[in-house]
N, C-alpha and C. Protein backbone atom coordinates (compact mmCIF):
# COMPACT_ATOMS: atom_id res chain seq x y z
N MET A 1 -23.28 13.94 18.60
CA MET A 1 -22.03 13.25 18.85
C MET A 1 -22.27 11.83 19.38
N GLU A 2 -23.32 11.68 20.18
CA GLU A 2 -23.61 10.34 20.71
C GLU A 2 -24.01 9.39 19.58
N LYS A 3 -24.73 9.90 18.59
CA LYS A 3 -25.11 9.08 17.44
C LYS A 3 -23.86 8.60 16.71
N GLN A 4 -22.89 9.48 16.58
CA GLN A 4 -21.64 9.13 15.91
C GLN A 4 -20.92 8.01 16.67
N PHE A 5 -20.91 8.12 17.99
CA PHE A 5 -20.30 7.09 18.82
C PHE A 5 -21.03 5.76 18.64
N ASN A 6 -22.36 5.80 18.65
CA ASN A 6 -23.15 4.58 18.47
C ASN A 6 -22.96 3.99 17.08
N ASP A 7 -22.84 4.85 16.07
CA ASP A 7 -22.56 4.37 14.71
C ASP A 7 -21.21 3.66 14.66
N PHE A 8 -20.22 4.23 15.36
CA PHE A 8 -18.91 3.59 15.42
C PHE A 8 -18.99 2.21 16.06
N VAL A 9 -19.73 2.11 17.16
CA VAL A 9 -19.89 0.83 17.85
C VAL A 9 -20.55 -0.19 16.91
N GLU A 10 -21.57 0.23 16.19
CA GLU A 10 -22.25 -0.67 15.25
C GLU A 10 -21.31 -1.11 14.12
N THR A 11 -20.48 -0.20 13.65
CA THR A 11 -19.49 -0.54 12.61
C THR A 11 -18.48 -1.54 13.14
N LEU A 12 -18.05 -1.33 14.37
CA LEU A 12 -17.09 -2.25 14.99
C LEU A 12 -17.68 -3.66 15.09
N LYS A 13 -18.96 -3.74 15.39
CA LYS A 13 -19.64 -5.05 15.51
C LYS A 13 -19.69 -5.79 14.17
N LEU A 14 -19.59 -5.06 13.06
CA LEU A 14 -19.66 -5.69 11.74
C LEU A 14 -18.39 -6.49 11.40
N PHE A 15 -17.30 -6.22 12.09
CA PHE A 15 -16.07 -6.96 11.84
C PHE A 15 -16.20 -8.37 12.42
N GLU A 16 -15.75 -9.34 11.64
CA GLU A 16 -15.83 -10.73 12.06
C GLU A 16 -14.95 -10.97 13.28
N GLY A 17 -15.52 -11.62 14.28
CA GLY A 17 -14.77 -11.96 15.49
C GLY A 17 -14.84 -10.91 16.59
N ILE A 18 -15.54 -9.81 16.37
CA ILE A 18 -15.66 -8.76 17.39
C ILE A 18 -16.96 -8.96 18.16
N ASN A 19 -16.85 -8.98 19.47
CA ASN A 19 -18.01 -9.07 20.34
C ASN A 19 -17.93 -7.91 21.33
N VAL A 20 -18.73 -6.87 21.12
CA VAL A 20 -18.73 -5.71 22.00
C VAL A 20 -19.46 -6.07 23.29
N ILE A 21 -18.77 -5.87 24.41
CA ILE A 21 -19.33 -6.24 25.70
C ILE A 21 -20.00 -5.04 26.35
N SER A 22 -19.32 -3.90 26.38
CA SER A 22 -19.93 -2.70 26.94
C SER A 22 -19.28 -1.45 26.35
N THR A 23 -20.02 -0.34 26.44
CA THR A 23 -19.52 0.93 25.93
C THR A 23 -19.89 2.03 26.92
N ASN A 24 -19.20 3.16 26.81
CA ASN A 24 -19.53 4.30 27.65
C ASN A 24 -19.29 5.55 26.83
N TYR A 25 -20.37 6.25 26.53
CA TYR A 25 -20.26 7.45 25.72
C TYR A 25 -19.63 8.60 26.49
N GLU A 26 -19.97 8.76 27.78
CA GLU A 26 -19.45 9.88 28.57
C GLU A 26 -17.93 9.80 28.71
N SER A 27 -17.41 8.62 28.98
CA SER A 27 -15.96 8.46 29.14
C SER A 27 -15.26 8.07 27.84
N LEU A 28 -16.03 7.82 26.80
CA LEU A 28 -15.53 7.45 25.47
C LEU A 28 -14.63 6.22 25.50
N TRP A 29 -15.22 5.07 25.83
CA TRP A 29 -14.50 3.82 25.73
C TRP A 29 -15.42 2.69 25.28
N ILE A 30 -14.79 1.67 24.70
CA ILE A 30 -15.51 0.49 24.22
C ILE A 30 -14.74 -0.73 24.73
N TYR A 31 -15.46 -1.64 25.34
CA TYR A 31 -14.89 -2.87 25.90
C TYR A 31 -15.38 -4.02 25.03
N PHE A 32 -14.48 -4.83 24.50
CA PHE A 32 -14.88 -5.88 23.58
C PHE A 32 -13.92 -7.07 23.62
N LYS A 33 -14.36 -8.13 22.98
CA LYS A 33 -13.53 -9.32 22.82
C LYS A 33 -13.32 -9.52 21.33
N CYS A 34 -12.12 -9.94 20.95
CA CYS A 34 -11.80 -10.16 19.54
C CYS A 34 -11.16 -11.54 19.38
N THR A 35 -11.73 -12.34 18.50
CA THR A 35 -11.22 -13.70 18.30
C THR A 35 -10.41 -13.85 17.01
N LYS A 36 -10.36 -12.82 16.20
CA LYS A 36 -9.61 -12.89 14.93
C LYS A 36 -8.41 -11.97 14.99
N ASP A 37 -7.23 -12.54 14.83
CA ASP A 37 -5.99 -11.76 14.87
C ASP A 37 -5.91 -10.74 13.74
N SER A 38 -6.43 -11.10 12.57
CA SER A 38 -6.37 -10.17 11.43
C SER A 38 -7.19 -8.91 11.70
N VAL A 39 -8.34 -9.06 12.33
CA VAL A 39 -9.18 -7.92 12.67
C VAL A 39 -8.50 -7.08 13.75
N LEU A 40 -7.88 -7.76 14.72
CA LEU A 40 -7.17 -7.05 15.78
C LEU A 40 -6.00 -6.25 15.21
N ASP A 41 -5.30 -6.81 14.23
CA ASP A 41 -4.20 -6.09 13.58
C ASP A 41 -4.70 -4.83 12.86
N ILE A 42 -5.85 -4.94 12.20
CA ILE A 42 -6.45 -3.77 11.54
C ILE A 42 -6.74 -2.69 12.56
N LEU A 43 -7.36 -3.08 13.67
CA LEU A 43 -7.68 -2.10 14.72
C LEU A 43 -6.41 -1.46 15.28
N LYS A 44 -5.41 -2.28 15.56
CA LYS A 44 -4.15 -1.75 16.11
C LYS A 44 -3.53 -0.73 15.16
N ASN A 45 -3.48 -1.06 13.88
CA ASN A 45 -2.89 -0.15 12.89
C ASN A 45 -3.65 1.17 12.81
N GLN A 46 -4.97 1.08 12.78
CA GLN A 46 -5.79 2.29 12.67
C GLN A 46 -5.64 3.17 13.92
N ILE A 47 -5.63 2.54 15.08
CA ILE A 47 -5.51 3.30 16.33
C ILE A 47 -4.12 3.90 16.45
N ASN A 48 -3.09 3.16 16.05
CA ASN A 48 -1.72 3.69 16.10
C ASN A 48 -1.57 4.91 15.19
N ASP A 49 -2.26 4.91 14.06
CA ASP A 49 -2.21 6.05 13.14
C ASP A 49 -2.84 7.31 13.76
N LEU A 50 -3.82 7.11 14.61
CA LEU A 50 -4.58 8.25 15.17
C LEU A 50 -4.15 8.65 16.58
N LYS A 51 -3.41 7.79 17.27
CA LYS A 51 -3.18 8.02 18.71
C LYS A 51 -2.45 9.31 19.03
N ASP A 52 -1.45 9.67 18.25
CA ASP A 52 -0.69 10.89 18.57
C ASP A 52 -1.50 12.15 18.33
N GLN A 53 -2.21 12.19 17.23
CA GLN A 53 -2.93 13.40 16.86
C GLN A 53 -4.26 13.56 17.61
N TYR A 54 -4.97 12.45 17.81
CA TYR A 54 -6.32 12.56 18.38
C TYR A 54 -6.48 11.91 19.75
N GLY A 55 -5.47 11.22 20.22
CA GLY A 55 -5.52 10.64 21.55
C GLY A 55 -6.48 9.48 21.69
N CYS A 56 -6.07 8.33 21.20
CA CYS A 56 -6.84 7.12 21.42
C CYS A 56 -5.86 5.97 21.65
N ALA A 57 -6.33 4.92 22.31
CA ALA A 57 -5.43 3.81 22.63
C ALA A 57 -6.22 2.51 22.66
N LEU A 58 -5.51 1.43 22.40
CA LEU A 58 -6.07 0.09 22.50
C LEU A 58 -5.37 -0.60 23.66
N VAL A 59 -6.14 -1.01 24.66
CA VAL A 59 -5.58 -1.63 25.85
C VAL A 59 -6.00 -3.10 25.88
N MET A 60 -5.03 -3.97 26.18
CA MET A 60 -5.32 -5.40 26.30
C MET A 60 -5.50 -5.74 27.78
N LEU A 61 -6.58 -6.42 28.10
CA LEU A 61 -6.90 -6.80 29.48
C LEU A 61 -7.09 -8.30 29.56
N THR A 62 -6.58 -8.92 30.61
CA THR A 62 -6.78 -10.36 30.79
C THR A 62 -7.75 -10.59 31.93
N ASN A 63 -8.46 -11.68 31.84
CA ASN A 63 -9.41 -12.07 32.87
C ASN A 63 -8.62 -12.63 34.05
N PRO A 64 -8.78 -12.09 35.27
CA PRO A 64 -8.02 -12.59 36.42
C PRO A 64 -8.33 -14.05 36.75
N GLU A 65 -9.54 -14.49 36.43
CA GLU A 65 -9.93 -15.87 36.73
C GLU A 65 -9.42 -16.84 35.67
N ASN A 66 -9.27 -16.36 34.43
CA ASN A 66 -8.80 -17.21 33.35
C ASN A 66 -7.80 -16.40 32.52
N SER A 67 -6.54 -16.64 32.70
CA SER A 67 -5.50 -15.82 32.06
C SER A 67 -5.45 -16.00 30.54
N ASP A 68 -6.07 -17.05 30.03
CA ASP A 68 -6.10 -17.26 28.57
C ASP A 68 -7.15 -16.39 27.89
N GLU A 69 -8.09 -15.88 28.67
CA GLU A 69 -9.17 -15.07 28.12
C GLU A 69 -8.72 -13.60 28.08
N VAL A 70 -8.71 -13.04 26.87
CA VAL A 70 -8.22 -11.67 26.67
C VAL A 70 -9.35 -10.79 26.17
N PHE A 71 -9.43 -9.59 26.74
CA PHE A 71 -10.39 -8.58 26.34
C PHE A 71 -9.63 -7.34 25.91
N TYR A 72 -10.31 -6.47 25.18
CA TYR A 72 -9.67 -5.24 24.70
C TYR A 72 -10.57 -4.06 25.00
N GLN A 73 -9.93 -2.91 25.16
CA GLN A 73 -10.67 -1.69 25.39
C GLN A 73 -10.06 -0.58 24.54
N ILE A 74 -10.93 0.12 23.81
CA ILE A 74 -10.49 1.28 23.04
C ILE A 74 -10.86 2.50 23.86
N LEU A 75 -9.86 3.33 24.14
CA LEU A 75 -10.06 4.55 24.92
C LEU A 75 -9.86 5.75 24.01
N PHE A 76 -10.78 6.70 24.09
CA PHE A 76 -10.71 7.90 23.27
C PHE A 76 -10.51 9.12 24.16
N GLU A 77 -9.57 9.96 23.79
CA GLU A 77 -9.35 11.21 24.51
C GLU A 77 -10.25 12.31 23.93
N LYS A 78 -10.44 12.28 22.63
CA LYS A 78 -11.22 13.31 21.95
C LYS A 78 -12.30 12.66 21.09
N GLN A 79 -13.40 13.35 20.93
CA GLN A 79 -14.51 12.88 20.10
C GLN A 79 -14.08 12.75 18.64
N GLN A 80 -13.13 13.59 18.21
CA GLN A 80 -12.65 13.52 16.82
C GLN A 80 -12.04 12.16 16.51
N ALA A 81 -11.42 11.54 17.48
CA ALA A 81 -10.81 10.22 17.28
C ALA A 81 -11.88 9.20 16.92
N VAL A 82 -13.05 9.31 17.55
CA VAL A 82 -14.16 8.40 17.24
C VAL A 82 -14.57 8.58 15.78
N PHE A 83 -14.69 9.84 15.36
CA PHE A 83 -15.10 10.12 13.99
C PHE A 83 -14.10 9.54 12.98
N PHE A 84 -12.81 9.80 13.18
CA PHE A 84 -11.82 9.35 12.21
C PHE A 84 -11.66 7.84 12.21
N LEU A 85 -11.73 7.22 13.39
CA LEU A 85 -11.65 5.76 13.45
C LEU A 85 -12.88 5.13 12.79
N TYR A 86 -14.04 5.72 13.02
CA TYR A 86 -15.28 5.26 12.38
C TYR A 86 -15.16 5.36 10.86
N LYS A 87 -14.67 6.48 10.39
CA LYS A 87 -14.51 6.71 8.95
C LYS A 87 -13.55 5.70 8.34
N ASN A 88 -12.41 5.48 8.99
CA ASN A 88 -11.41 4.54 8.48
C ASN A 88 -11.92 3.10 8.47
N LEU A 89 -12.58 2.69 9.55
CA LEU A 89 -13.08 1.31 9.62
C LEU A 89 -14.23 1.09 8.63
N SER A 90 -15.07 2.11 8.44
CA SER A 90 -16.14 2.00 7.45
C SER A 90 -15.57 1.82 6.05
N SER A 91 -14.50 2.56 5.77
CA SER A 91 -13.84 2.44 4.47
C SER A 91 -13.25 1.05 4.27
N ILE A 92 -12.66 0.50 5.32
CA ILE A 92 -12.09 -0.86 5.24
C ILE A 92 -13.20 -1.88 4.99
N LEU A 93 -14.31 -1.74 5.70
CA LEU A 93 -15.44 -2.65 5.49
C LEU A 93 -15.97 -2.56 4.07
N GLU A 94 -16.09 -1.35 3.56
CA GLU A 94 -16.60 -1.14 2.21
C GLU A 94 -15.67 -1.78 1.17
N THR A 95 -14.37 -1.60 1.36
CA THR A 95 -13.39 -2.19 0.45
C THR A 95 -13.46 -3.71 0.50
N ASN A 96 -13.55 -4.26 1.71
CA ASN A 96 -13.65 -5.72 1.86
C ASN A 96 -14.91 -6.26 1.20
N GLU A 97 -16.00 -5.50 1.29
CA GLU A 97 -17.27 -5.91 0.67
C GLU A 97 -17.14 -5.94 -0.85
N LYS A 98 -16.48 -4.92 -1.41
CA LYS A 98 -16.28 -4.88 -2.86
C LYS A 98 -15.42 -6.05 -3.33
N VAL A 99 -14.36 -6.37 -2.57
CA VAL A 99 -13.48 -7.48 -2.92
C VAL A 99 -14.24 -8.79 -2.85
N THR A 100 -15.03 -8.97 -1.80
CA THR A 100 -15.82 -10.19 -1.63
C THR A 100 -16.82 -10.34 -2.77
N LYS A 101 -17.50 -9.24 -3.11
CA LYS A 101 -18.47 -9.27 -4.19
C LYS A 101 -17.80 -9.61 -5.51
N SER A 102 -16.62 -9.04 -5.73
CA SER A 102 -15.88 -9.29 -6.96
C SER A 102 -15.48 -10.76 -7.05
N LYS A 103 -15.04 -11.34 -5.94
CA LYS A 103 -14.67 -12.75 -5.94
C LYS A 103 -15.89 -13.64 -6.16
N GLU A 104 -17.00 -13.23 -5.57
CA GLU A 104 -18.24 -14.01 -5.67
C GLU A 104 -18.82 -13.97 -7.07
N LEU A 105 -18.86 -12.77 -7.66
CA LEU A 105 -19.52 -12.61 -8.95
C LEU A 105 -18.58 -12.76 -10.13
N GLY A 106 -17.29 -12.67 -9.89
CA GLY A 106 -16.33 -12.78 -10.99
C GLY A 106 -16.17 -11.46 -11.73
N ILE A 107 -15.40 -11.49 -12.78
CA ILE A 107 -15.15 -10.30 -13.57
C ILE A 107 -16.39 -10.01 -14.41
N PRO A 108 -16.87 -8.77 -14.39
CA PRO A 108 -18.08 -8.46 -15.14
C PRO A 108 -17.85 -8.48 -16.65
N ASP A 109 -18.91 -8.70 -17.38
CA ASP A 109 -18.87 -8.63 -18.83
C ASP A 109 -18.81 -7.16 -19.21
N LEU A 110 -17.65 -6.72 -19.68
CA LEU A 110 -17.45 -5.30 -19.93
C LEU A 110 -18.26 -4.78 -21.11
N SER A 111 -18.82 -5.68 -21.92
CA SER A 111 -19.64 -5.21 -23.02
C SER A 111 -20.92 -4.57 -22.50
N LEU A 112 -21.28 -4.85 -21.26
CA LEU A 112 -22.50 -4.29 -20.68
C LEU A 112 -22.23 -3.02 -19.88
N VAL A 113 -20.96 -2.62 -19.79
CA VAL A 113 -20.59 -1.44 -19.01
C VAL A 113 -20.49 -0.24 -19.94
N THR A 114 -21.11 0.85 -19.55
CA THR A 114 -21.04 2.05 -20.39
C THR A 114 -19.82 2.88 -20.00
N ILE A 115 -19.43 3.76 -20.89
CA ILE A 115 -18.31 4.64 -20.61
C ILE A 115 -18.63 5.53 -19.42
N ARG A 116 -19.86 5.97 -19.31
CA ARG A 116 -20.27 6.81 -18.18
C ARG A 116 -20.11 6.04 -16.87
N GLN A 117 -20.45 4.74 -16.84
CA GLN A 117 -20.29 3.93 -15.63
C GLN A 117 -18.81 3.79 -15.27
N ILE A 118 -17.96 3.61 -16.28
CA ILE A 118 -16.53 3.52 -16.04
C ILE A 118 -16.03 4.82 -15.43
N ALA A 119 -16.42 5.94 -16.01
CA ALA A 119 -15.99 7.25 -15.51
C ALA A 119 -16.47 7.46 -14.08
N ASN A 120 -17.71 7.11 -13.78
CA ASN A 120 -18.23 7.29 -12.43
C ASN A 120 -17.48 6.43 -11.43
N GLU A 121 -17.13 5.21 -11.82
CA GLU A 121 -16.35 4.34 -10.93
C GLU A 121 -14.95 4.91 -10.71
N LEU A 122 -14.33 5.40 -11.77
CA LEU A 122 -12.99 5.98 -11.64
C LEU A 122 -13.00 7.22 -10.76
N LYS A 123 -14.08 7.99 -10.79
CA LYS A 123 -14.17 9.20 -9.99
C LYS A 123 -14.21 8.90 -8.49
N THR A 124 -14.62 7.70 -8.12
CA THR A 124 -14.67 7.34 -6.70
C THR A 124 -13.29 7.00 -6.15
N ARG A 125 -12.32 6.77 -7.02
CA ARG A 125 -10.96 6.42 -6.59
C ARG A 125 -10.21 7.66 -6.13
N SER A 126 -9.37 7.48 -5.13
CA SER A 126 -8.55 8.61 -4.68
C SER A 126 -7.18 8.50 -5.32
N ASN A 127 -6.51 9.62 -5.46
CA ASN A 127 -5.17 9.69 -6.05
C ASN A 127 -5.12 9.14 -7.47
N LEU A 128 -6.17 9.37 -8.23
CA LEU A 128 -6.22 8.92 -9.61
C LEU A 128 -6.60 10.09 -10.50
N THR A 129 -5.77 10.33 -11.49
CA THR A 129 -6.09 11.35 -12.49
C THR A 129 -6.37 10.60 -13.77
N PHE A 130 -7.49 10.89 -14.40
CA PHE A 130 -7.83 10.21 -15.65
C PHE A 130 -8.60 11.14 -16.56
N ALA A 131 -8.57 10.82 -17.83
CA ALA A 131 -9.35 11.54 -18.83
C ALA A 131 -9.82 10.52 -19.86
N LEU A 132 -11.09 10.54 -20.15
CA LEU A 132 -11.66 9.69 -21.18
C LEU A 132 -12.27 10.61 -22.24
N VAL A 133 -11.93 10.37 -23.47
CA VAL A 133 -12.48 11.15 -24.57
C VAL A 133 -13.09 10.16 -25.54
N TRP A 134 -14.33 10.40 -25.95
CA TRP A 134 -14.95 9.50 -26.92
C TRP A 134 -15.87 10.27 -27.84
N ILE A 135 -16.20 9.59 -28.93
CA ILE A 135 -17.06 10.19 -29.95
C ILE A 135 -18.11 9.14 -30.33
N GLU A 136 -19.31 9.59 -30.57
CA GLU A 136 -20.38 8.69 -30.98
C GLU A 136 -20.72 8.94 -32.44
N ASN A 137 -20.91 7.89 -33.17
CA ASN A 137 -21.36 7.95 -34.56
C ASN A 137 -20.48 8.81 -35.45
N SER A 138 -19.23 8.94 -35.12
CA SER A 138 -18.26 9.69 -35.92
C SER A 138 -18.71 11.11 -36.26
N GLU A 139 -19.45 11.72 -35.37
CA GLU A 139 -19.87 13.10 -35.58
C GLU A 139 -18.96 14.01 -34.79
N ARG A 140 -18.38 15.00 -35.47
CA ARG A 140 -17.46 15.91 -34.80
C ARG A 140 -18.10 16.63 -33.63
N ASP A 141 -19.38 16.94 -33.73
CA ASP A 141 -20.04 17.70 -32.68
C ASP A 141 -20.51 16.84 -31.52
N ASN A 142 -20.25 15.54 -31.59
CA ASN A 142 -20.73 14.64 -30.56
C ASN A 142 -19.57 14.02 -29.78
N ILE A 143 -18.62 14.85 -29.40
CA ILE A 143 -17.46 14.39 -28.63
C ILE A 143 -17.73 14.66 -27.16
N ALA A 144 -17.40 13.68 -26.32
CA ALA A 144 -17.59 13.84 -24.88
C ALA A 144 -16.26 13.58 -24.16
N ILE A 145 -16.12 14.20 -23.02
CA ILE A 145 -14.92 14.02 -22.21
C ILE A 145 -15.34 13.89 -20.76
N GLU A 146 -14.72 12.97 -20.06
CA GLU A 146 -14.91 12.81 -18.62
C GLU A 146 -13.52 12.78 -18.01
N GLY A 147 -13.38 13.34 -16.86
CA GLY A 147 -12.08 13.33 -16.22
C GLY A 147 -12.17 13.67 -14.75
N SER A 148 -11.08 13.41 -14.07
CA SER A 148 -11.01 13.72 -12.65
C SER A 148 -9.55 13.95 -12.30
N GLY A 149 -9.30 14.89 -11.43
CA GLY A 149 -7.94 15.19 -11.01
C GLY A 149 -7.69 16.67 -11.05
N GLN A 150 -6.47 17.06 -10.78
CA GLN A 150 -6.11 18.48 -10.83
C GLN A 150 -6.13 18.93 -12.29
N PRO A 151 -6.64 20.12 -12.54
CA PRO A 151 -6.73 20.61 -13.93
C PRO A 151 -5.38 20.60 -14.67
N THR A 152 -4.33 20.97 -13.98
CA THR A 152 -3.01 20.98 -14.63
C THR A 152 -2.60 19.57 -15.06
N GLN A 153 -2.84 18.60 -14.18
CA GLN A 153 -2.52 17.22 -14.52
C GLN A 153 -3.39 16.70 -15.65
N LEU A 154 -4.67 17.07 -15.63
CA LEU A 154 -5.57 16.63 -16.70
C LEU A 154 -5.14 17.16 -18.06
N ILE A 155 -4.79 18.44 -18.14
CA ILE A 155 -4.35 19.02 -19.40
C ILE A 155 -3.06 18.33 -19.86
N GLY A 156 -2.15 18.11 -18.93
CA GLY A 156 -0.91 17.40 -19.27
C GLY A 156 -1.18 15.99 -19.76
N LEU A 157 -2.12 15.31 -19.12
CA LEU A 157 -2.49 13.96 -19.52
C LEU A 157 -3.09 13.94 -20.93
N LEU A 158 -3.98 14.87 -21.20
CA LEU A 158 -4.58 14.96 -22.53
C LEU A 158 -3.53 15.31 -23.59
N ALA A 159 -2.62 16.22 -23.27
CA ALA A 159 -1.57 16.60 -24.22
C ALA A 159 -0.65 15.41 -24.51
N ARG A 160 -0.28 14.70 -23.46
CA ARG A 160 0.58 13.51 -23.65
C ARG A 160 -0.15 12.44 -24.47
N GLY A 161 -1.43 12.26 -24.19
CA GLY A 161 -2.22 11.29 -24.95
C GLY A 161 -2.31 11.67 -26.42
N THR A 162 -2.49 12.95 -26.69
CA THR A 162 -2.52 13.43 -28.07
C THR A 162 -1.19 13.17 -28.76
N HIS A 163 -0.10 13.46 -28.06
CA HIS A 163 1.24 13.23 -28.62
C HIS A 163 1.46 11.74 -28.92
N MET A 164 1.02 10.88 -28.00
CA MET A 164 1.17 9.43 -28.22
C MET A 164 0.34 8.98 -29.42
N ALA A 165 -0.87 9.52 -29.57
CA ALA A 165 -1.72 9.16 -30.71
C ALA A 165 -1.08 9.60 -32.02
N ILE A 166 -0.47 10.78 -32.03
CA ILE A 166 0.20 11.26 -33.25
C ILE A 166 1.39 10.36 -33.59
N GLU A 167 2.17 9.98 -32.58
CA GLU A 167 3.32 9.09 -32.82
C GLU A 167 2.84 7.75 -33.38
N TRP A 168 1.77 7.21 -32.82
CA TRP A 168 1.24 5.94 -33.28
C TRP A 168 0.75 6.07 -34.73
N ALA A 169 0.06 7.16 -35.02
CA ALA A 169 -0.47 7.37 -36.37
C ALA A 169 0.68 7.49 -37.37
N ASP A 170 1.76 8.19 -37.02
CA ASP A 170 2.91 8.33 -37.92
C ASP A 170 3.51 6.97 -38.27
N LYS A 171 3.52 6.05 -37.32
CA LYS A 171 4.12 4.73 -37.55
C LYS A 171 3.19 3.79 -38.30
N ASN A 172 1.90 3.89 -38.02
CA ASN A 172 0.98 2.86 -38.47
C ASN A 172 -0.01 3.26 -39.57
N ILE A 173 -0.13 4.51 -39.85
CA ILE A 173 -1.07 4.93 -40.89
C ILE A 173 -0.27 5.42 -42.08
N LYS A 174 -0.59 4.87 -43.22
CA LYS A 174 0.10 5.25 -44.46
C LYS A 174 -0.71 6.33 -45.15
N PHE A 175 -0.13 7.49 -45.30
CA PHE A 175 -0.79 8.59 -45.98
C PHE A 175 -0.23 8.70 -47.39
N TYR A 176 -1.11 8.88 -48.36
CA TYR A 176 -0.71 9.03 -49.74
C TYR A 176 -1.24 10.35 -50.25
N ARG A 177 -0.37 11.10 -50.87
CA ARG A 177 -0.80 12.35 -51.51
C ARG A 177 -1.26 12.02 -52.92
N PRO A 178 -2.20 12.79 -53.42
CA PRO A 178 -2.64 12.54 -54.79
C PRO A 178 -1.45 12.64 -55.74
N GLY A 179 -1.37 11.70 -56.59
CA GLY A 179 -0.28 11.68 -57.56
C GLY A 179 0.87 10.78 -57.13
N GLU A 180 0.97 10.40 -55.85
CA GLU A 180 2.02 9.50 -55.38
C GLU A 180 1.58 8.06 -55.61
N ASN A 181 2.49 7.27 -56.06
CA ASN A 181 2.27 5.84 -56.22
C ASN A 181 0.98 5.52 -57.00
N ASP A 182 0.68 6.32 -58.01
CA ASP A 182 -0.53 6.03 -58.81
C ASP A 182 -0.26 4.98 -59.81
């Protein structure tokens, strides 16, 4: 449990503008200074989401010698709050890293991306149901499918996709029977 607390402290330090001053594992609190309002808003939102269920709070403290200097303290009632706050903040950092990388590198050349890579990326998303069906070299026996989601939703998605393909084919493909229009 102490390792988890220390991991949380290290994750907190990764946020821009956070300067951890002191921590206490026995009493479960972290004392820090934050210079970025956006980071402070993220912390406030995450703590507010967890405070009722797991008992944690963010306290604002002012320096008695300098009233303009503000410090913050995160207080935890339960060890579970540390775990969930750590998990949420790690997820936010990971998302921010992906966005930064995307902005830095630009949109990738999709001709270099395989269907398997697309499927693996889609599987990491939450609340997403998808199905990919493909065939290689027009061989009937070489059909592959990748998907993620509830089985009922996947079957419904595949059935709807099949129906849409049939509707498209009826409109756009001209079928001729032998003997017609000869």
